[in-house]
Amino acid sequence: MEVMLMSRKKCKPKINKFTVGLIVASVGIGIVIAVILPVWGWVIAAGGGLIFFGWCLIENCCKRK
């Protein structure tokens, strides 16, 4: 009778510095897109609203008759 010996290989993926850097960069870009970009969008929108409101005040209140 023949006995087959099965080797026990551990399936451990090799993670090098490039892969870790790619993961960290992806998480960082995700945070920027999810948190910081919308905040700046609201700041820009509020600034545009203030400029528009000021423009309307100048046009309507400062007219000479």
N, C-alpha and C. Protein backbone atom coordinates (compact mmCIF):
# COMPACT_ATOMS: atom_id res chain seq x y z
N MET A 1 0.83 -1.18 0.00
CA MET A 1 0.00 0.00 0.00
C MET A 1 0.87 1.24 0.00
N GLU A 2 0.41 2.16 -0.79
CA GLU A 2 1.16 3.40 -0.91
C GLU A 2 0.47 4.49 -0.08
N VAL A 3 1.24 5.20 0.68
CA VAL A 3 0.69 6.27 1.52
C VAL A 3 1.07 7.61 0.89
N MET A 4 0.06 8.44 0.67
CA MET A 4 0.33 9.77 0.12
C MET A 4 0.47 10.75 1.27
N LEU A 5 1.58 11.39 1.28
CA LEU A 5 1.79 12.41 2.29
C LEU A 5 1.39 13.77 1.70
N MET A 6 0.57 14.45 2.41
CA MET A 6 0.15 15.76 1.94
C MET A 6 0.93 16.82 2.70
N SER A 7 1.54 17.68 1.95
CA SER A 7 2.32 18.73 2.60
C SER A 7 1.39 19.80 3.13
N ARG A 8 1.77 20.35 4.23
CA ARG A 8 0.97 21.42 4.83
C ARG A 8 1.60 22.75 4.48
N LYS A 9 1.05 23.36 3.47
CA LYS A 9 1.53 24.68 3.07
C LYS A 9 0.58 25.72 3.62
N LYS A 10 1.16 26.69 4.23
CA LYS A 10 0.34 27.78 4.75
C LYS A 10 0.09 28.77 3.63
N CYS A 11 -1.15 29.10 3.45
CA CYS A 11 -1.53 30.07 2.42
C CYS A 11 -1.45 31.47 3.02
N LYS A 12 -0.28 32.00 3.06
CA LYS A 12 -0.08 33.33 3.60
C LYS A 12 0.29 34.26 2.45
N PRO A 13 -0.59 35.21 2.14
CA PRO A 13 -0.28 36.10 1.02
C PRO A 13 0.89 37.02 1.38
N LYS A 14 1.71 37.26 0.37
CA LYS A 14 2.84 38.15 0.59
C LYS A 14 2.38 39.58 0.38
N ILE A 15 2.53 40.38 1.39
CA ILE A 15 2.17 41.79 1.31
C ILE A 15 3.47 42.59 1.36
N ASN A 16 3.75 43.27 0.26
CA ASN A 16 4.96 44.07 0.23
C ASN A 16 4.62 45.54 0.52
N LYS A 17 5.64 46.38 0.51
CA LYS A 17 5.44 47.79 0.84
C LYS A 17 4.56 48.49 -0.17
N PHE A 18 4.64 48.09 -1.43
CA PHE A 18 3.82 48.72 -2.47
C PHE A 18 2.34 48.47 -2.20
N THR A 19 1.98 47.25 -1.83
CA THR A 19 0.59 46.91 -1.56
C THR A 19 0.07 47.67 -0.34
N VAL A 20 0.88 47.75 0.70
CA VAL A 20 0.47 48.49 1.90
C VAL A 20 0.30 49.97 1.56
N GLY A 21 1.22 50.52 0.77
CA GLY A 21 1.11 51.91 0.36
C GLY A 21 -0.14 52.17 -0.46
N LEU A 22 -0.47 51.23 -1.33
CA LEU A 22 -1.68 51.36 -2.16
C LEU A 22 -2.94 51.33 -1.30
N ILE A 23 -2.96 50.49 -0.28
CA ILE A 23 -4.11 50.41 0.63
C ILE A 23 -4.25 51.71 1.41
N VAL A 24 -3.14 52.21 1.94
CA VAL A 24 -3.17 53.46 2.72
C VAL A 24 -3.60 54.63 1.84
N ALA A 25 -3.09 54.69 0.62
CA ALA A 25 -3.47 55.76 -0.30
C ALA A 25 -4.95 55.69 -0.65
N SER A 26 -5.48 54.50 -0.84
CA SER A 26 -6.90 54.34 -1.16
C SER A 26 -7.78 54.80 -0.01
N VAL A 27 -7.40 54.46 1.20
CA VAL A 27 -8.17 54.89 2.36
C VAL A 27 -8.11 56.41 2.50
N GLY A 28 -6.93 56.99 2.31
CA GLY A 28 -6.77 58.44 2.40
C GLY A 28 -7.59 59.17 1.36
N ILE A 29 -7.55 58.70 0.13
CA ILE A 29 -8.33 59.32 -0.95
C ILE A 29 -9.83 59.18 -0.66
N GLY A 30 -10.23 58.04 -0.12
CA GLY A 30 -11.64 57.85 0.23
C GLY A 30 -12.10 58.83 1.30
N ILE A 31 -11.26 59.08 2.30
CA ILE A 31 -11.60 60.05 3.35
C ILE A 31 -11.72 61.44 2.76
N VAL A 32 -10.78 61.80 1.89
CA VAL A 32 -10.82 63.12 1.27
C VAL A 32 -12.09 63.30 0.45
N ILE A 33 -12.43 62.30 -0.34
CA ILE A 33 -13.62 62.40 -1.20
C ILE A 33 -14.90 62.42 -0.36
N ALA A 34 -14.94 61.65 0.73
CA ALA A 34 -16.17 61.53 1.51
C ALA A 34 -16.39 62.68 2.49
N VAL A 35 -15.31 63.28 3.01
CA VAL A 35 -15.46 64.26 4.09
C VAL A 35 -15.07 65.66 3.65
N ILE A 36 -13.86 65.82 3.18
CA ILE A 36 -13.31 67.16 2.95
C ILE A 36 -13.92 67.81 1.72
N LEU A 37 -14.06 67.09 0.63
CA LEU A 37 -14.62 67.67 -0.60
C LEU A 37 -16.04 68.20 -0.41
N PRO A 38 -16.97 67.47 0.22
CA PRO A 38 -18.30 68.04 0.42
C PRO A 38 -18.29 69.30 1.29
N VAL A 39 -17.41 69.35 2.29
CA VAL A 39 -17.32 70.54 3.14
C VAL A 39 -16.92 71.74 2.31
N TRP A 40 -15.91 71.59 1.46
CA TRP A 40 -15.48 72.70 0.61
C TRP A 40 -16.56 73.07 -0.40
N GLY A 41 -17.32 72.10 -0.85
CA GLY A 41 -18.43 72.40 -1.75
C GLY A 41 -19.47 73.29 -1.08
N TRP A 42 -19.77 73.01 0.20
CA TRP A 42 -20.72 73.84 0.92
C TRP A 42 -20.15 75.23 1.17
N VAL A 43 -18.87 75.34 1.43
CA VAL A 43 -18.24 76.65 1.64
C VAL A 43 -18.32 77.47 0.36
N ILE A 44 -18.02 76.85 -0.77
CA ILE A 44 -18.09 77.55 -2.06
C ILE A 44 -19.53 77.97 -2.36
N ALA A 45 -20.49 77.09 -2.09
CA ALA A 45 -21.90 77.41 -2.35
C ALA A 45 -22.36 78.57 -1.46
N ALA A 46 -21.97 78.55 -0.19
CA ALA A 46 -22.35 79.65 0.71
C ALA A 46 -21.71 80.96 0.27
N GLY A 47 -20.46 80.91 -0.15
CA GLY A 47 -19.79 82.12 -0.66
C GLY A 47 -20.48 82.67 -1.89
N GLY A 48 -20.87 81.79 -2.79
CA GLY A 48 -21.61 82.23 -3.98
C GLY A 48 -22.94 82.85 -3.62
N GLY A 49 -23.62 82.26 -2.63
CA GLY A 49 -24.89 82.83 -2.18
C GLY A 49 -24.73 84.21 -1.57
N LEU A 50 -23.67 84.39 -0.77
CA LEU A 50 -23.41 85.71 -0.18
C LEU A 50 -23.09 86.75 -1.25
N ILE A 51 -22.32 86.36 -2.24
CA ILE A 51 -21.99 87.28 -3.34
C ILE A 51 -23.26 87.67 -4.09
N PHE A 52 -24.12 86.69 -4.37
CA PHE A 52 -25.37 86.97 -5.07
C PHE A 52 -26.26 87.89 -4.24
N PHE A 53 -26.37 87.63 -2.95
CA PHE A 53 -27.19 88.45 -2.06
C PHE A 53 -26.66 89.87 -2.01
N GLY A 54 -25.36 90.02 -1.90
CA GLY A 54 -24.75 91.35 -1.90
C GLY A 54 -24.99 92.09 -3.21
N TRP A 55 -24.90 91.37 -4.30
CA TRP A 55 -25.14 91.96 -5.63
C TRP A 55 -26.57 92.48 -5.72
N CYS A 56 -27.52 91.68 -5.24
CA CYS A 56 -28.93 92.11 -5.25
C CYS A 56 -29.14 93.33 -4.38
N LEU A 57 -28.50 93.38 -3.21
CA LEU A 57 -28.62 94.55 -2.34
C LEU A 57 -28.08 95.80 -3.02
N ILE A 58 -26.94 95.68 -3.67
CA ILE A 58 -26.35 96.83 -4.35
C ILE A 58 -27.26 97.30 -5.48
N GLU A 59 -27.81 96.37 -6.23
CA GLU A 59 -28.66 96.73 -7.36
C GLU A 59 -29.97 97.38 -6.91
N ASN A 60 -30.56 96.92 -5.82
CA ASN A 60 -31.88 97.39 -5.41
C ASN A 60 -31.85 98.55 -4.42
N CYS A 61 -30.87 98.61 -3.56
CA CYS A 61 -30.86 99.63 -2.50
C CYS A 61 -30.10 100.89 -2.88
N CYS A 62 -29.19 100.80 -3.76
CA CYS A 62 -28.31 101.93 -4.05
C CYS A 62 -28.65 102.63 -5.37
N LYS A 63 -29.85 102.45 -5.85
CA LYS A 63 -30.24 103.11 -7.10
C LYS A 63 -30.61 104.57 -6.81
N ARG A 64 -30.16 105.45 -7.67
CA ARG A 64 -30.54 106.86 -7.54
C ARG A 64 -31.79 107.11 -8.38
N LYS A 65 -32.68 107.87 -7.83
CA LYS A 65 -33.93 108.14 -8.55
C LYS A 65 -33.88 109.46 -9.23
